[in-house]
Amino acid sequence: QVQLVESGGGLVQPGGSLRLSCAASGSIASINVMGWYRQAPGNQSEFVATVTSGGSTNYADSVKGRFTISGDNAKNTVYLKMNNLKPEDTAVYYCLVVVAPEIYSSWGQGTQVTVSS
């Protein structure tokens, strides 16, 4: 079993920045991919970004150029640095971890990000 603990959400004004962290612990042999997705009220969940153990990244078009995902393999931790935040970034953010063939997520917990003036 894998446990995921997130931190770093909060309230920020438009144009501001936040950094989210997600630490994985438990029965982890080797993490293949770590990433983030989000869900705004009334919306379906939305992919945000992923990073592989080799450092390859992938972003949703809506966050490209503003968000940066990075991973620390030694700490089993993934980060999401969010710059130039917009009101439409307001959502609960969840992290996910792929320990092939299993996928673990922090669904049910997550961290709230609110962008508002």
N, C-alpha and C. Protein backbone atom coordinates (compact mmCIF):
# COMPACT_ATOMS: atom_id res chain seq x y z
N GLN A 1 0.85 -1.20 0.00
CA GLN A 1 0.00 0.00 0.00
C GLN A 1 0.88 1.25 0.00
N VAL A 2 0.39 2.28 -0.66
CA VAL A 2 1.13 3.54 -0.77
C VAL A 2 0.27 4.65 -0.18
N GLN A 3 0.88 5.48 0.65
CA GLN A 3 0.19 6.63 1.22
C GLN A 3 0.75 7.91 0.59
N LEU A 4 -0.15 8.85 0.33
CA LEU A 4 0.24 10.13 -0.27
C LEU A 4 -0.20 11.26 0.66
N VAL A 5 0.73 12.15 0.96
CA VAL A 5 0.44 13.29 1.83
C VAL A 5 0.79 14.56 1.08
N GLU A 6 -0.24 15.41 0.91
CA GLU A 6 -0.06 16.65 0.18
C GLU A 6 0.07 17.83 1.12
N SER A 7 0.68 18.88 0.61
CA SER A 7 0.74 20.14 1.35
C SER A 7 0.94 21.28 0.37
N GLY A 8 0.65 22.49 0.84
CA GLY A 8 1.00 23.66 0.04
C GLY A 8 -0.15 24.44 -0.56
N GLY A 9 -1.37 23.98 -0.43
CA GLY A 9 -2.48 24.74 -1.01
C GLY A 9 -2.78 25.98 -0.21
N GLY A 10 -3.75 26.76 -0.70
CA GLY A 10 -4.14 27.96 0.02
C GLY A 10 -4.85 28.95 -0.86
N LEU A 11 -4.99 30.15 -0.32
CA LEU A 11 -5.65 31.26 -1.02
C LEU A 11 -4.59 32.21 -1.54
N VAL A 12 -4.70 32.58 -2.80
CA VAL A 12 -3.73 33.47 -3.42
C VAL A 12 -4.44 34.39 -4.38
N GLN A 13 -3.91 35.58 -4.57
CA GLN A 13 -4.50 36.52 -5.51
C GLN A 13 -4.11 36.16 -6.94
N PRO A 14 -4.92 36.56 -7.91
CA PRO A 14 -4.53 36.34 -9.31
C PRO A 14 -3.14 36.90 -9.59
N GLY A 15 -2.35 36.11 -10.32
CA GLY A 15 -0.98 36.49 -10.60
C GLY A 15 0.01 35.97 -9.58
N GLY A 16 -0.49 35.44 -8.48
CA GLY A 16 0.38 34.94 -7.43
C GLY A 16 0.91 33.55 -7.71
N SER A 17 1.65 33.02 -6.73
CA SER A 17 2.29 31.71 -6.87
C SER A 17 2.04 30.85 -5.65
N LEU A 18 2.07 29.56 -5.88
CA LEU A 18 2.01 28.56 -4.81
C LEU A 18 2.85 27.37 -5.24
N ARG A 19 3.31 26.61 -4.25
CA ARG A 19 4.00 25.37 -4.55
C ARG A 19 3.34 24.25 -3.76
N LEU A 20 2.92 23.22 -4.48
CA LEU A 20 2.33 22.04 -3.87
C LEU A 20 3.39 20.95 -3.75
N SER A 21 3.26 20.15 -2.70
CA SER A 21 4.13 19.00 -2.51
C SER A 21 3.29 17.77 -2.24
N CYS A 22 3.79 16.63 -2.65
CA CYS A 22 3.12 15.37 -2.38
C CYS A 22 4.19 14.32 -2.11
N ALA A 23 4.18 13.78 -0.89
CA ALA A 23 5.16 12.79 -0.49
C ALA A 23 4.52 11.41 -0.44
N ALA A 24 5.16 10.46 -1.06
CA ALA A 24 4.66 9.08 -1.07
C ALA A 24 5.46 8.23 -0.09
N SER A 25 4.76 7.35 0.59
CA SER A 25 5.42 6.44 1.52
C SER A 25 4.69 5.10 1.50
N GLY A 26 5.36 4.08 2.01
CA GLY A 26 4.73 2.77 2.06
C GLY A 26 5.51 1.77 1.22
N SER A 27 4.76 0.85 0.61
CA SER A 27 5.37 -0.23 -0.16
C SER A 27 5.74 0.27 -1.55
N ILE A 28 6.86 0.96 -1.62
CA ILE A 28 7.30 1.54 -2.88
C ILE A 28 8.59 0.89 -3.32
N ALA A 29 8.51 0.13 -4.39
CA ALA A 29 9.72 -0.46 -4.94
C ALA A 29 10.38 0.53 -5.89
N SER A 30 9.58 1.05 -6.79
CA SER A 30 10.11 2.00 -7.76
C SER A 30 8.94 2.79 -8.36
N ILE A 31 9.00 4.09 -8.20
CA ILE A 31 7.96 4.94 -8.77
C ILE A 31 8.28 5.22 -10.23
N ASN A 32 7.30 5.02 -11.08
CA ASN A 32 7.51 5.24 -12.52
C ASN A 32 7.11 6.66 -12.94
N VAL A 33 5.96 7.11 -12.42
CA VAL A 33 5.43 8.42 -12.78
C VAL A 33 4.78 9.04 -11.56
N MET A 34 4.94 10.34 -11.42
CA MET A 34 4.21 11.10 -10.41
C MET A 34 3.53 12.27 -11.11
N GLY A 35 2.40 12.69 -10.56
CA GLY A 35 1.71 13.78 -11.24
C GLY A 35 0.61 14.40 -10.42
N TRP A 36 -0.08 15.32 -11.08
CA TRP A 36 -1.15 16.06 -10.44
C TRP A 36 -2.37 16.12 -11.36
N TYR A 37 -3.53 16.11 -10.76
CA TYR A 37 -4.74 16.44 -11.47
C TYR A 37 -5.59 17.29 -10.52
N ARG A 38 -6.64 17.88 -11.05
CA ARG A 38 -7.45 18.78 -10.23
C ARG A 38 -8.92 18.64 -10.59
N GLN A 39 -9.74 19.11 -9.67
CA GLN A 39 -11.18 19.11 -9.89
C GLN A 39 -11.77 20.38 -9.31
N ALA A 40 -12.37 21.17 -10.18
CA ALA A 40 -13.07 22.38 -9.76
C ALA A 40 -14.53 22.03 -9.47
N PRO A 41 -15.20 22.82 -8.63
CA PRO A 41 -16.60 22.53 -8.31
C PRO A 41 -17.46 22.44 -9.56
N GLY A 42 -18.22 21.37 -9.65
CA GLY A 42 -19.11 21.19 -10.78
C GLY A 42 -18.45 20.69 -12.05
N ASN A 43 -17.14 20.49 -12.00
CA ASN A 43 -16.40 20.04 -13.19
C ASN A 43 -15.87 18.63 -12.99
N GLN A 44 -15.53 18.01 -14.10
CA GLN A 44 -14.86 16.72 -14.03
C GLN A 44 -13.39 16.94 -13.67
N SER A 45 -12.76 15.88 -13.21
CA SER A 45 -11.34 15.98 -12.90
C SER A 45 -10.55 16.23 -14.18
N GLU A 46 -9.45 16.95 -14.02
CA GLU A 46 -8.67 17.41 -15.17
C GLU A 46 -7.20 17.12 -14.93
N PHE A 47 -6.55 16.55 -15.93
CA PHE A 47 -5.11 16.32 -15.88
C PHE A 47 -4.38 17.65 -15.80
N VAL A 48 -3.33 17.71 -14.98
CA VAL A 48 -2.54 18.93 -14.86
C VAL A 48 -1.11 18.68 -15.39
N ALA A 49 -0.41 17.73 -14.80
CA ALA A 49 0.98 17.50 -15.21
C ALA A 49 1.48 16.18 -14.66
N THR A 50 2.48 15.61 -15.35
CA THR A 50 3.14 14.41 -14.87
C THR A 50 4.65 14.55 -15.08
N VAL A 51 5.39 13.79 -14.29
CA VAL A 51 6.84 13.69 -14.45
C VAL A 51 7.24 12.24 -14.25
N THR A 52 8.09 11.74 -15.14
CA THR A 52 8.55 10.36 -15.01
C THR A 52 9.78 10.30 -14.11
N SER A 53 10.14 9.09 -13.73
CA SER A 53 11.33 8.92 -12.89
C SER A 53 12.59 9.40 -13.62
N GLY A 54 12.51 9.42 -14.95
CA GLY A 54 13.64 9.91 -15.74
C GLY A 54 13.65 11.40 -15.96
N GLY A 55 12.59 12.06 -15.49
CA GLY A 55 12.54 13.52 -15.59
C GLY A 55 11.73 14.08 -16.74
N SER A 56 11.12 13.22 -17.54
CA SER A 56 10.29 13.71 -18.64
C SER A 56 8.98 14.27 -18.09
N THR A 57 8.57 15.42 -18.61
CA THR A 57 7.37 16.07 -18.11
C THR A 57 6.31 16.21 -19.19
N ASN A 58 5.08 16.35 -18.73
CA ASN A 58 3.96 16.54 -19.63
C ASN A 58 2.98 17.46 -18.92
N TYR A 59 2.42 18.42 -19.65
CA TYR A 59 1.54 19.42 -19.05
C TYR A 59 0.24 19.55 -19.84
N ALA A 60 -0.81 19.89 -19.14
CA ALA A 60 -2.04 20.30 -19.80
C ALA A 60 -1.79 21.64 -20.48
N ASP A 61 -2.44 21.85 -21.61
CA ASP A 61 -2.25 23.11 -22.33
C ASP A 61 -2.59 24.32 -21.46
N SER A 62 -3.57 24.15 -20.59
CA SER A 62 -4.05 25.27 -19.78
C SER A 62 -3.02 25.76 -18.76
N VAL A 63 -2.00 24.94 -18.47
CA VAL A 63 -1.02 25.34 -17.46
C VAL A 63 0.39 25.48 -18.02
N LYS A 64 0.58 25.14 -19.28
CA LYS A 64 1.91 25.23 -19.88
C LYS A 64 2.46 26.64 -19.78
N GLY A 65 3.72 26.74 -19.40
CA GLY A 65 4.37 28.04 -19.26
C GLY A 65 4.13 28.70 -17.92
N ARG A 66 3.18 28.18 -17.14
CA ARG A 66 2.89 28.76 -15.82
C ARG A 66 3.23 27.80 -14.68
N PHE A 67 3.01 26.52 -14.90
CA PHE A 67 3.26 25.51 -13.87
C PHE A 67 4.51 24.72 -14.21
N THR A 68 5.23 24.31 -13.18
CA THR A 68 6.40 23.47 -13.34
C THR A 68 6.32 22.29 -12.38
N ILE A 69 6.39 21.09 -12.93
CA ILE A 69 6.37 19.88 -12.11
C ILE A 69 7.79 19.35 -11.99
N SER A 70 8.11 18.85 -10.81
CA SER A 70 9.43 18.25 -10.60
C SER A 70 9.29 17.13 -9.58
N GLY A 71 10.22 16.21 -9.64
CA GLY A 71 10.18 15.08 -8.73
C GLY A 71 11.51 14.87 -8.04
N ASP A 72 11.47 14.41 -6.82
CA ASP A 72 12.68 14.04 -6.07
C ASP A 72 12.60 12.55 -5.82
N ASN A 73 13.31 11.78 -6.62
CA ASN A 73 13.21 10.33 -6.53
C ASN A 73 13.69 9.81 -5.17
N ALA A 74 14.69 10.45 -4.60
CA ALA A 74 15.22 10.00 -3.31
C ALA A 74 14.20 10.18 -2.19
N LYS A 75 13.36 11.21 -2.32
CA LYS A 75 12.36 11.49 -1.29
C LYS A 75 10.97 11.00 -1.67
N ASN A 76 10.84 10.41 -2.86
CA ASN A 76 9.52 9.97 -3.34
C ASN A 76 8.50 11.11 -3.25
N THR A 77 8.92 12.27 -3.68
CA THR A 77 8.10 13.48 -3.55
C THR A 77 8.00 14.17 -4.90
N VAL A 78 6.79 14.67 -5.18
CA VAL A 78 6.57 15.43 -6.40
C VAL A 78 6.11 16.83 -6.01
N TYR A 79 6.56 17.80 -6.77
CA TYR A 79 6.24 19.20 -6.52
C TYR A 79 5.53 19.79 -7.73
N LEU A 80 4.71 20.79 -7.46
CA LEU A 80 4.06 21.54 -8.53
C LEU A 80 4.20 23.02 -8.19
N LYS A 81 5.07 23.71 -8.91
CA LYS A 81 5.22 25.14 -8.72
C LYS A 81 4.27 25.82 -9.68
N MET A 82 3.38 26.64 -9.13
CA MET A 82 2.34 27.29 -9.91
C MET A 82 2.56 28.80 -9.87
N ASN A 83 2.84 29.36 -11.03
CA ASN A 83 3.05 30.80 -11.15
C ASN A 83 1.91 31.42 -11.96
N ASN A 84 1.79 32.74 -11.83
CA ASN A 84 0.78 33.47 -12.59
C ASN A 84 -0.59 32.80 -12.49
N LEU A 85 -0.98 32.51 -11.28
CA LEU A 85 -2.24 31.79 -11.06
C LEU A 85 -3.44 32.61 -11.50
N LYS A 86 -4.43 31.92 -12.02
CA LYS A 86 -5.65 32.54 -12.52
C LYS A 86 -6.85 32.00 -11.74
N PRO A 87 -7.94 32.74 -11.71
CA PRO A 87 -9.13 32.25 -11.00
C PRO A 87 -9.58 30.87 -11.49
N GLU A 88 -9.37 30.59 -12.76
CA GLU A 88 -9.78 29.29 -13.29
C GLU A 88 -8.89 28.14 -12.83
N ASP A 89 -7.80 28.46 -12.13
CA ASP A 89 -6.98 27.42 -11.52
C ASP A 89 -7.55 26.95 -10.18
N THR A 90 -8.57 27.64 -9.70
CA THR A 90 -9.19 27.26 -8.44
C THR A 90 -9.75 25.85 -8.54
N ALA A 91 -9.32 24.99 -7.63
CA ALA A 91 -9.74 23.59 -7.66
C ALA A 91 -9.12 22.87 -6.46
N VAL A 92 -9.57 21.66 -6.25
CA VAL A 92 -8.86 20.76 -5.34
C VAL A 92 -7.84 20.00 -6.17
N TYR A 93 -6.62 20.01 -5.72
CA TYR A 93 -5.53 19.38 -6.45
C TYR A 93 -5.18 18.05 -5.78
N TYR A 94 -5.05 17.04 -6.61
CA TYR A 94 -4.74 15.69 -6.14
C TYR A 94 -3.44 15.22 -6.80
N CYS A 95 -2.68 14.45 -6.06
CA CYS A 95 -1.48 13.88 -6.68
C CYS A 95 -1.72 12.41 -6.99
N LEU A 96 -0.93 11.90 -7.88
CA LEU A 96 -1.00 10.49 -8.23
C LEU A 96 0.41 9.94 -8.39
N VAL A 97 0.51 8.65 -8.17
CA VAL A 97 1.79 7.95 -8.26
C VAL A 97 1.55 6.64 -8.99
N VAL A 98 2.40 6.35 -9.95
CA VAL A 98 2.33 5.08 -10.65
C VAL A 98 3.51 4.22 -10.20
N VAL A 99 3.15 3.13 -9.54
CA VAL A 99 4.12 2.10 -9.19
C VAL A 99 3.64 0.87 -9.95
N ALA A 100 4.12 0.77 -11.16
CA ALA A 100 3.57 -0.20 -12.11
C ALA A 100 3.40 -1.59 -11.50
N PRO A 101 2.20 -2.18 -11.73
CA PRO A 101 1.12 -1.69 -12.56
C PRO A 101 0.05 -0.91 -11.80
N GLU A 102 0.30 -0.54 -10.56
CA GLU A 102 -0.71 0.12 -9.74
C GLU A 102 -0.61 1.64 -9.89
N ILE A 103 -1.79 2.28 -9.75
CA ILE A 103 -1.87 3.74 -9.70
C ILE A 103 -2.50 4.13 -8.38
N TYR A 104 -1.83 5.01 -7.65
CA TYR A 104 -2.34 5.49 -6.37
C TYR A 104 -2.61 6.99 -6.50
N SER A 105 -3.67 7.44 -5.84
CA SER A 105 -3.95 8.87 -5.85
C SER A 105 -4.41 9.31 -4.48
N SER A 106 -4.41 10.62 -4.29
CA SER A 106 -4.85 11.18 -3.02
C SER A 106 -6.33 11.56 -3.07
N TRP A 107 -7.05 10.94 -4.01
CA TRP A 107 -8.48 11.22 -4.14
C TRP A 107 -9.17 11.06 -2.79
N GLY A 108 -9.98 12.02 -2.44
CA GLY A 108 -10.65 12.00 -1.15
C GLY A 108 -9.99 12.92 -0.16
N GLN A 109 -8.75 13.28 -0.44
CA GLN A 109 -8.04 14.25 0.40
C GLN A 109 -7.76 15.49 -0.44
N GLY A 110 -6.63 15.53 -1.08
CA GLY A 110 -6.32 16.64 -1.95
C GLY A 110 -6.02 17.90 -1.17
N THR A 111 -5.64 18.93 -1.89
CA THR A 111 -5.35 20.22 -1.27
C THR A 111 -6.05 21.32 -2.08
N GLN A 112 -6.72 22.22 -1.36
CA GLN A 112 -7.51 23.26 -2.01
C GLN A 112 -6.61 24.41 -2.45
N VAL A 113 -6.77 24.81 -3.69
CA VAL A 113 -6.13 26.02 -4.21
C VAL A 113 -7.23 26.97 -4.64
N THR A 114 -7.22 28.16 -4.07
CA THR A 114 -8.22 29.17 -4.39
C THR A 114 -7.51 30.42 -4.88
N VAL A 115 -7.87 30.85 -6.08
CA VAL A 115 -7.28 32.05 -6.66
C VAL A 115 -8.37 33.10 -6.76
N SER A 116 -8.24 34.12 -5.93
CA SER A 116 -9.30 35.12 -5.86
C SER A 116 -8.74 36.42 -5.30
N SER A 117 -9.30 37.52 -5.78
CA SER A 117 -8.92 38.83 -5.24
C SER A 117 -9.86 39.25 -4.12
